[in-house]
PDB file of all heavy atoms in Angstrom:
ATOM      1  N   LEU A   1      49.442   4.173 192.120  1.00  0.00           N
ATOM      2  CA  LEU A   1      48.301   4.227 192.999  1.00  0.00           C
ATOM      3  C   LEU A   1      48.102   2.830 193.649  1.00  0.00           C
ATOM      4  O   LEU A   1      48.442   1.860 193.021  1.00  0.00           O
ATOM      5  CB  LEU A   1      47.010   4.626 192.213  1.00  0.00           C
ATOM      6  CG  LEU A   1      46.857   6.059 191.756  1.00  0.00           C
ATOM      7  CD1 LEU A   1      45.594   6.150 190.861  1.00  0.00           C
ATOM      8  CD2 LEU A   1      46.705   6.986 192.963  1.00  0.00           C
ATOM      9  N   ARG A   2      47.522   2.802 194.792  1.00  0.00           N
ATOM     10  CA  ARG A   2      47.111   1.537 195.418  1.00  0.00           C
ATOM     11  C   ARG A   2      45.635   1.590 195.725  1.00  0.00           C
ATOM     12  O   ARG A   2      45.170   2.439 196.524  1.00  0.00           O
ATOM     13  CB  ARG A   2      47.923   1.275 196.697  1.00  0.00           C
ATOM     14  CG  ARG A   2      47.667  -0.165 197.190  1.00  0.00           C
ATOM     15  CD  ARG A   2      48.491  -0.502 198.442  1.00  0.00           C
ATOM     16  NE  ARG A   2      47.910   0.045 199.603  1.00  0.00           N
ATOM     17  CZ  ARG A   2      48.071  -0.443 200.856  1.00  0.00           C
ATOM     18  NH1 ARG A   2      48.859  -1.523 201.017  1.00  0.00           N
ATOM     19  NH2 ARG A   2      47.520   0.142 201.882  1.00  0.00           N
ATOM     20  N   LEU A   3      44.904   0.613 195.155  1.00  0.00           N
ATOM     21  CA  LEU A   3      43.514   0.509 195.408  1.00  0.00           C
ATOM     22  C   LEU A   3      43.277  -0.522 196.533  1.00  0.00           C
ATOM     23  O   LEU A   3      44.006  -1.487 196.627  1.00  0.00           O
ATOM     24  CB  LEU A   3      42.738   0.043 194.163  1.00  0.00           C
ATOM     25  CG  LEU A   3      42.934   0.858 192.910  1.00  0.00           C
ATOM     26  CD1 LEU A   3      42.095   0.304 191.770  1.00  0.00           C
ATOM     27  CD2 LEU A   3      42.617   2.348 193.141  1.00  0.00           C
ATOM     28  N   SER A   4      42.262  -0.270 197.372  1.00  0.00           N
ATOM     29  CA  SER A   4      41.896  -1.189 198.418  1.00  0.00           C
ATOM     30  C   SER A   4      40.426  -1.519 198.339  1.00  0.00           C
ATOM     31  O   SER A   4      39.600  -0.659 197.936  1.00  0.00           O
ATOM     32  CB  SER A   4      42.210  -0.561 199.778  1.00  0.00           C
ATOM     33  OG  SER A   4      43.577  -0.270 199.933  1.00  0.00           O
ATOM     34  N   CYS A   5      40.081  -2.692 198.731  1.00  0.00           N
ATOM     35  CA  CYS A   5      38.679  -3.141 198.767  1.00  0.00           C
ATOM     36  C   CYS A   5      38.460  -3.935 200.028  1.00  0.00           C
ATOM     37  O   CYS A   5      39.082  -5.040 200.159  1.00  0.00           O
ATOM     38  CB  CYS A   5      38.319  -3.940 197.494  1.00  0.00           C
ATOM     39  SG  CYS A   5      36.684  -4.662 197.489  1.00  0.00           S
ATOM     40  N   VAL A   6      37.602  -3.506 200.874  1.00  0.00           N
ATOM     41  CA  VAL A   6      37.263  -4.149 202.143  1.00  0.00           C
ATOM     42  C   VAL A   6      35.915  -4.829 202.019  1.00  0.00           C
ATOM     43  O   VAL A   6      34.919  -4.190 201.643  1.00  0.00           O
ATOM     44  CB  VAL A   6      37.304  -3.226 203.346  1.00  0.00           C
ATOM     45  CG1 VAL A   6      36.979  -3.989 204.633  1.00  0.00           C
ATOM     46  CG2 VAL A   6      38.626  -2.509 203.427  1.00  0.00           C
ATOM     47  N   ALA A   7      35.839  -6.107 202.357  1.00  0.00           N
ATOM     48  CA  ALA A   7      34.623  -6.883 202.239  1.00  0.00           C
ATOM     49  C   ALA A   7      34.034  -7.127 203.630  1.00  0.00           C
ATOM     50  O   ALA A   7      34.772  -7.534 204.531  1.00  0.00           O
ATOM     51  CB  ALA A   7      34.871  -8.200 201.499  1.00  0.00           C
ATOM     52  N   SER A   8      32.755  -6.893 203.762  1.00  0.00           N
ATOM     53  CA  SER A   8      32.059  -7.265 204.971  1.00  0.00           C
ATOM     54  C   SER A   8      31.655  -8.730 204.899  1.00  0.00           C
ATOM     55  O   SER A   8      31.785  -9.371 203.850  1.00  0.00           O
ATOM     56  CB  SER A   8      30.837  -6.393 205.151  1.00  0.00           C
ATOM     57  OG  SER A   8      29.859  -6.632 204.166  1.00  0.00           O
ATOM     58  N   GLY A   9      31.208  -9.260 206.050  1.00  0.00           N
ATOM     59  CA  GLY A   9      30.750 -10.632 206.083  1.00  0.00           C
ATOM     60  C   GLY A   9      31.849 -11.628 206.454  1.00  0.00           C
ATOM     61  O   GLY A   9      32.996 -11.218 206.770  1.00  0.00           O
ATOM     62  N   THR A  10      31.541 -12.918 206.361  1.00  0.00           N
ATOM     63  CA  THR A  10      32.438 -13.945 206.818  1.00  0.00           C
ATOM     64  C   THR A  10      32.913 -14.894 205.737  1.00  0.00           C
ATOM     65  O   THR A  10      33.546 -15.889 206.037  1.00  0.00           O
ATOM     66  CB  THR A  10      31.719 -14.789 207.914  1.00  0.00           C
ATOM     67  OG1 THR A  10      30.572 -15.396 207.384  1.00  0.00           O
ATOM     68  CG2 THR A  10      31.362 -13.919 209.095  1.00  0.00           C
ATOM     69  N   ILE A  11      32.679 -14.546 204.448  1.00  0.00           N
ATOM     70  CA  ILE A  11      33.004 -15.457 203.376  1.00  0.00           C
ATOM     71  C   ILE A  11      34.236 -15.088 202.646  1.00  0.00           C
ATOM     72  O   ILE A  11      34.619 -15.781 201.642  1.00  0.00           O
ATOM     73  CB  ILE A  11      31.821 -15.550 202.413  1.00  0.00           C
ATOM     74  CG1 ILE A  11      31.566 -14.218 201.663  1.00  0.00           C
ATOM     75  CG2 ILE A  11      30.565 -16.027 203.103  1.00  0.00           C
ATOM     76  CD1 ILE A  11      30.531 -14.309 200.563  1.00  0.00           C
ATOM     77  N   PHE A  12      34.930 -14.013 203.021  1.00  0.00           N
ATOM     78  CA  PHE A  12      36.040 -13.490 202.237  1.00  0.00           C
ATOM     79  C   PHE A  12      37.122 -14.588 202.056  1.00  0.00           C
ATOM     80  O   PHE A  12      37.603 -14.751 200.935  1.00  0.00           O
ATOM     81  CB  PHE A  12      36.624 -12.266 202.924  1.00  0.00           C
ATOM     82  CG  PHE A  12      37.820 -11.677 202.186  1.00  0.00           C
ATOM     83  CD1 PHE A  12      37.606 -10.714 201.209  1.00  0.00           C
ATOM     84  CD2 PHE A  12      39.113 -12.071 202.463  1.00  0.00           C
ATOM     85  CE1 PHE A  12      38.656 -10.107 200.523  1.00  0.00           C
ATOM     86  CE2 PHE A  12      40.173 -11.541 201.771  1.00  0.00           C
ATOM     87  CZ  PHE A  12      39.949 -10.537 200.812  1.00  0.00           C
ATOM     88  N   SER A  13      37.519 -15.251 203.100  1.00  0.00           N
ATOM     89  CA  SER A  13      38.622 -16.206 203.002  1.00  0.00           C
ATOM     90  C   SER A  13      38.295 -17.396 202.142  1.00  0.00           C
ATOM     91  O   SER A  13      39.211 -18.079 201.727  1.00  0.00           O
ATOM     92  CB  SER A  13      39.022 -16.668 204.440  1.00  0.00           C
ATOM     93  OG  SER A  13      37.962 -17.330 205.047  1.00  0.00           O
ATOM     94  N   PHE A  14      37.044 -17.632 201.810  1.00  0.00           N
ATOM     95  CA  PHE A  14      36.623 -18.763 201.009  1.00  0.00           C
ATOM     96  C   PHE A  14      36.275 -18.280 199.605  1.00  0.00           C
ATOM     97  O   PHE A  14      35.665 -19.056 198.818  1.00  0.00           O
ATOM     98  CB  PHE A  14      35.419 -19.473 201.612  1.00  0.00           C
ATOM     99  CG  PHE A  14      35.691 -19.995 202.963  1.00  0.00           C
ATOM    100  CD1 PHE A  14      35.222 -19.365 204.112  1.00  0.00           C
ATOM    101  CD2 PHE A  14      36.423 -21.132 203.141  1.00  0.00           C
ATOM    102  CE1 PHE A  14      35.462 -19.807 205.368  1.00  0.00           C
ATOM    103  CE2 PHE A  14      36.666 -21.647 204.414  1.00  0.00           C
ATOM    104  CZ  PHE A  14      36.205 -20.979 205.567  1.00  0.00           C
ATOM    105  N   SER A  15      36.613 -17.055 199.258  1.00  0.00           N
ATOM    106  CA  SER A  15      36.224 -16.444 197.992  1.00  0.00           C
ATOM    107  C   SER A  15      37.419 -16.057 197.144  1.00  0.00           C
ATOM    108  O   SER A  15      38.458 -15.643 197.667  1.00  0.00           O
ATOM    109  CB  SER A  15      35.347 -15.239 198.224  1.00  0.00           C
ATOM    110  OG  SER A  15      34.182 -15.543 199.014  1.00  0.00           O
ATOM    111  N   ALA A  16      37.238 -16.146 195.848  1.00  0.00           N
ATOM    112  CA  ALA A  16      38.234 -15.583 194.919  1.00  0.00           C
ATOM    113  C   ALA A  16      37.965 -14.095 194.758  1.00  0.00           C
ATOM    114  O   ALA A  16      36.757 -13.690 194.616  1.00  0.00           O
ATOM    115  CB  ALA A  16      38.139 -16.310 193.566  1.00  0.00           C
ATOM    116  N   MET A  17      39.021 -13.293 194.678  1.00  0.00           N
ATOM    117  CA  MET A  17      38.847 -11.890 194.499  1.00  0.00           C
ATOM    118  C   MET A  17      39.435 -11.459 193.157  1.00  0.00           C
ATOM    119  O   MET A  17      40.367 -12.103 192.633  1.00  0.00           O
ATOM    120  CB  MET A  17      39.590 -11.092 195.628  1.00  0.00           C
ATOM    121  CG  MET A  17      39.099 -11.447 197.002  1.00  0.00           C
ATOM    122  SD  MET A  17      37.310 -10.982 197.232  1.00  0.00           S
ATOM    123  CE  MET A  17      37.410  -9.191 196.937  1.00  0.00           C
ATOM    124  N   ALA A  18      38.929 -10.364 192.627  1.00  0.00           N
ATOM    125  CA  ALA A  18      39.388  -9.880 191.321  1.00  0.00           C
ATOM    126  C   ALA A  18      39.204  -8.372 191.279  1.00  0.00           C
ATOM    127  O   ALA A  18      38.385  -7.778 191.919  1.00  0.00           O
ATOM    128  CB  ALA A  18      38.702 -10.536 190.184  1.00  0.00           C
ATOM    129  N   TRP A  19      39.975  -7.759 190.408  1.00  0.00           N
ATOM    130  CA  TRP A  19      39.786  -6.389 189.969  1.00  0.00           C
ATOM    131  C   TRP A  19      39.447  -6.369 188.489  1.00  0.00           C
ATOM    132  O   TRP A  19      40.141  -7.009 187.682  1.00  0.00           O
ATOM    133  CB  TRP A  19      41.077  -5.541 190.225  1.00  0.00           C
ATOM    134  CG  TRP A  19      41.320  -5.279 191.684  1.00  0.00           C
ATOM    135  CD1 TRP A  19      42.132  -5.928 192.522  1.00  0.00           C
ATOM    136  CD2 TRP A  19      40.764  -4.165 192.460  1.00  0.00           C
ATOM    137  NE1 TRP A  19      42.097  -5.358 193.772  1.00  0.00           N
ATOM    138  CE2 TRP A  19      41.273  -4.316 193.739  1.00  0.00           C
ATOM    139  CE3 TRP A  19      39.850  -3.125 192.150  1.00  0.00           C
ATOM    140  CZ2 TRP A  19      40.926  -3.395 194.790  1.00  0.00           C
ATOM    141  CZ3 TRP A  19      39.502  -2.272 193.162  1.00  0.00           C
ATOM    142  CH2 TRP A  19      40.046  -2.388 194.458  1.00  0.00           C
ATOM    143  N   HIS A  20      38.447  -5.613 188.152  1.00  0.00           N
ATOM    144  CA  HIS A  20      38.080  -5.346 186.738  1.00  0.00           C
ATOM    145  C   HIS A  20      38.177  -3.862 186.491  1.00  0.00           C
ATOM    146  O   HIS A  20      38.195  -3.048 187.440  1.00  0.00           O
ATOM    147  CB  HIS A  20      36.695  -5.833 186.441  1.00  0.00           C
ATOM    148  CG  HIS A  20      36.506  -7.279 186.521  1.00  0.00           C
ATOM    149  ND1 HIS A  20      36.469  -7.985 187.728  1.00  0.00           N
ATOM    150  CD2 HIS A  20      36.247  -8.228 185.555  1.00  0.00           C
ATOM    151  CE1 HIS A  20      36.243  -9.275 187.519  1.00  0.00           C
ATOM    152  NE2 HIS A  20      36.133  -9.419 186.191  1.00  0.00           N
ATOM    153  N   ARG A  21      38.216  -3.452 185.262  1.00  0.00           N
ATOM    154  CA  ARG A  21      38.202  -2.042 184.954  1.00  0.00           C
ATOM    155  C   ARG A  21      37.412  -1.804 183.650  1.00  0.00           C
ATOM    156  O   ARG A  21      37.276  -2.690 182.854  1.00  0.00           O
ATOM    157  CB  ARG A  21      39.605  -1.438 184.793  1.00  0.00           C
ATOM    158  CG  ARG A  21      40.377  -1.963 183.563  1.00  0.00           C
ATOM    159  CD  ARG A  21      41.796  -1.405 183.601  1.00  0.00           C
ATOM    160  NE  ARG A  21      42.541  -1.849 182.436  1.00  0.00           N
ATOM    161  CZ  ARG A  21      43.874  -1.685 182.277  1.00  0.00           C
ATOM    162  NH1 ARG A  21      44.565  -1.076 183.208  1.00  0.00           N
ATOM    163  NH2 ARG A  21      44.483  -2.137 181.186  1.00  0.00           N
ATOM    164  N   GLN A  22      36.886  -0.610 183.518  1.00  0.00           N
ATOM    165  CA  GLN A  22      36.131  -0.219 182.374  1.00  0.00           C
ATOM    166  C   GLN A  22      36.466   1.203 181.957  1.00  0.00           C
ATOM    167  O   GLN A  22      36.230   2.133 182.706  1.00  0.00           O
ATOM    168  CB  GLN A  22      34.645  -0.345 182.627  1.00  0.00           C
ATOM    169  CG  GLN A  22      33.748  -0.141 181.403  1.00  0.00           C
ATOM    170  CD  GLN A  22      32.297  -0.508 181.634  1.00  0.00           C
ATOM    171  OE1 GLN A  22      31.853  -0.600 182.781  1.00  0.00           O
ATOM    172  NE2 GLN A  22      31.599  -0.763 180.591  1.00  0.00           N
ATOM    173  N   ALA A  23      37.039   1.323 180.731  1.00  0.00           N
ATOM    174  CA  ALA A  23      37.325   2.631 180.213  1.00  0.00           C
ATOM    175  C   ALA A  23      36.112   3.138 179.441  1.00  0.00           C
ATOM    176  O   ALA A  23      35.255   2.395 179.017  1.00  0.00           O
ATOM    177  CB  ALA A  23      38.528   2.557 179.219  1.00  0.00           C
ATOM    178  N   PRO A  24      36.045   4.487 179.297  1.00  0.00           N
ATOM    179  CA  PRO A  24      34.880   5.066 178.571  1.00  0.00           C
ATOM    180  C   PRO A  24      34.735   4.468 177.163  1.00  0.00           C
ATOM    181  O   PRO A  24      35.715   4.407 176.443  1.00  0.00           O
ATOM    182  CB  PRO A  24      35.226   6.583 178.555  1.00  0.00           C
ATOM    183  CG  PRO A  24      36.093   6.779 179.689  1.00  0.00           C
ATOM    184  CD  PRO A  24      36.906   5.545 179.807  1.00  0.00           C
ATOM    185  N   GLY A  25      33.508   4.020 176.884  1.00  0.00           N
ATOM    186  CA  GLY A  25      33.250   3.483 175.560  1.00  0.00           C
ATOM    187  C   GLY A  25      33.757   2.065 175.322  1.00  0.00           C
ATOM    188  O   GLY A  25      33.645   1.557 174.197  1.00  0.00           O
ATOM    189  N   LYS A  26      34.305   1.405 176.324  1.00  0.00           N
ATOM    190  CA  LYS A  26      34.827   0.085 176.171  1.00  0.00           C
ATOM    191  C   LYS A  26      34.158  -0.896 177.143  1.00  0.00           C
ATOM    192  O   LYS A  26      33.550  -0.476 178.125  1.00  0.00           O
ATOM    193  CB  LYS A  26      36.348   0.093 176.416  1.00  0.00           C
ATOM    194  CG  LYS A  26      37.137   0.944 175.470  1.00  0.00           C
ATOM    195  CD  LYS A  26      38.645   0.906 175.747  1.00  0.00           C
ATOM    196  CE  LYS A  26      39.219  -0.463 175.418  1.00  0.00           C
ATOM    197  NZ  LYS A  26      40.702  -0.484 175.594  1.00  0.00           N
ATOM    198  N   ARG A  27      34.264  -2.173 176.850  1.00  0.00           N
ATOM    199  CA  ARG A  27      33.728  -3.211 177.706  1.00  0.00           C
ATOM    200  C   ARG A  27      34.604  -3.359 178.928  1.00  0.00           C
ATOM    201  O   ARG A  27      35.754  -3.086 178.954  1.00  0.00           O
ATOM    202  CB  ARG A  27      33.631  -4.559 176.965  1.00  0.00           C
ATOM    203  CG  ARG A  27      32.507  -4.618 175.951  1.00  0.00           C
ATOM    204  CD  ARG A  27      32.315  -6.083 175.495  1.00  0.00           C
ATOM    205  NE  ARG A  27      31.143  -6.209 174.632  1.00  0.00           N
ATOM    206  CZ  ARG A  27      31.186  -6.262 173.351  1.00  0.00           C
ATOM    207  NH1 ARG A  27      32.336  -6.236 172.703  1.00  0.00           N
ATOM    208  NH2 ARG A  27      30.064  -6.395 172.674  1.00  0.00           N
ATOM    209  N   ARG A  28      33.947  -3.811 180.038  1.00  0.00           N
ATOM    210  CA  ARG A  28      34.647  -4.109 181.231  1.00  0.00           C
ATOM    211  C   ARG A  28      35.623  -5.269 181.048  1.00  0.00           C
ATOM    212  O   ARG A  28      35.277  -6.275 180.367  1.00  0.00           O
ATOM    213  CB  ARG A  28      33.706  -4.411 182.399  1.00  0.00           C
ATOM    214  CG  ARG A  28      34.336  -4.501 183.739  1.00  0.00           C
ATOM    215  CD  ARG A  28      33.281  -4.658 184.863  1.00  0.00           C
ATOM    216  NE  ARG A  28      32.394  -3.493 184.870  1.00  0.00           N
ATOM    217  CZ  ARG A  28      31.433  -3.381 185.784  1.00  0.00           C
ATOM    218  NH1 ARG A  28      31.243  -4.279 186.760  1.00  0.00           N
ATOM    219  NH2 ARG A  28      30.612  -2.288 185.707  1.00  0.00           N
ATOM    220  N   GLU A  29      36.841  -5.174 181.520  1.00  0.00           N
ATOM    221  CA  GLU A  29      37.841  -6.169 181.374  1.00  0.00           C
ATOM    222  C   GLU A  29      38.432  -6.623 182.684  1.00  0.00           C
ATOM    223  O   GLU A  29      38.502  -5.892 183.632  1.00  0.00           O
ATOM    224  CB  GLU A  29      38.939  -5.731 180.422  1.00  0.00           C
ATOM    225  CG  GLU A  29      39.772  -4.565 180.966  1.00  0.00           C
ATOM    226  CD  GLU A  29      40.950  -4.196 180.091  1.00  0.00           C
ATOM    227  OE1 GLU A  29      41.334  -4.984 179.229  1.00  0.00           O
ATOM    228  OE2 GLU A  29      41.446  -3.073 180.244  1.00  0.00           O
ATOM    229  N   LEU A  30      38.854  -7.870 182.719  1.00  0.00           N
ATOM    230  CA  LEU A  30      39.475  -8.433 183.921  1.00  0.00           C
ATOM    231  C   LEU A  30      40.918  -7.976 183.974  1.00  0.00           C
ATOM    232  O   LEU A  30      41.673  -8.044 182.982  1.00  0.00           O
ATOM    233  CB  LEU A  30      39.410  -9.949 183.852  1.00  0.00           C
ATOM    234  CG  LEU A  30      40.097 -10.723 185.032  1.00  0.00           C
ATOM    235  CD1 LEU A  30      39.391 -10.430 186.368  1.00  0.00           C
ATOM    236  CD2 LEU A  30      40.081 -12.186 184.764  1.00  0.00           C
ATOM    237  N   VAL A  31      41.347  -7.473 185.132  1.00  0.00           N
ATOM    238  CA  VAL A  31      42.663  -6.971 185.326  1.00  0.00           C
ATOM    239  C   VAL A  31      43.570  -7.948 186.084  1.00  0.00           C
ATOM    240  O   VAL A  31      44.669  -8.260 185.665  1.00  0.00           O
ATOM    241  CB  VAL A  31      42.660  -5.586 186.078  1.00  0.00           C
ATOM    242  CG1 VAL A  31      44.076  -5.129 186.391  1.00  0.00           C
ATOM    243  CG2 VAL A  31      41.912  -4.583 185.241  1.00  0.00           C
ATOM    244  N   ALA A  32      43.080  -8.450 187.215  1.00  0.00           N
ATOM    245  CA  ALA A  32      43.862  -9.353 188.024  1.00  0.00           C
ATOM    246  C   ALA A  32      42.950 -10.139 188.921  1.00  0.00           C
ATOM    247  O   ALA A  32      41.845  -9.700 189.282  1.00  0.00           O
ATOM    248  CB  ALA A  32      44.844  -8.580 188.895  1.00  0.00           C
ATOM    249  N   THR A  33      43.359 -11.387 189.316  1.00  0.00           N
ATOM    250  CA  THR A  33      42.583 -12.234 190.175  1.00  0.00           C
ATOM    251  C   THR A  33      43.520 -12.758 191.295  1.00  0.00           C
ATOM    252  O   THR A  33      44.778 -12.875 191.111  1.00  0.00           O
ATOM    253  CB  THR A  33      42.024 -13.449 189.436  1.00  0.00           C
ATOM    254  OG1 THR A  33      43.077 -14.257 188.909  1.00  0.00           O
ATOM    255  CG2 THR A  33      41.087 -13.022 188.331  1.00  0.00           C
TER     256      THR A  33
END
């Protein structure tokens, strides 16, 4: 699968991006930055 995330505004290029995930019954975890 390929996930996409589009950000509005003008700060994207100056920001760090990340993906997190949360499985049922578990804490949210960092996947990639």
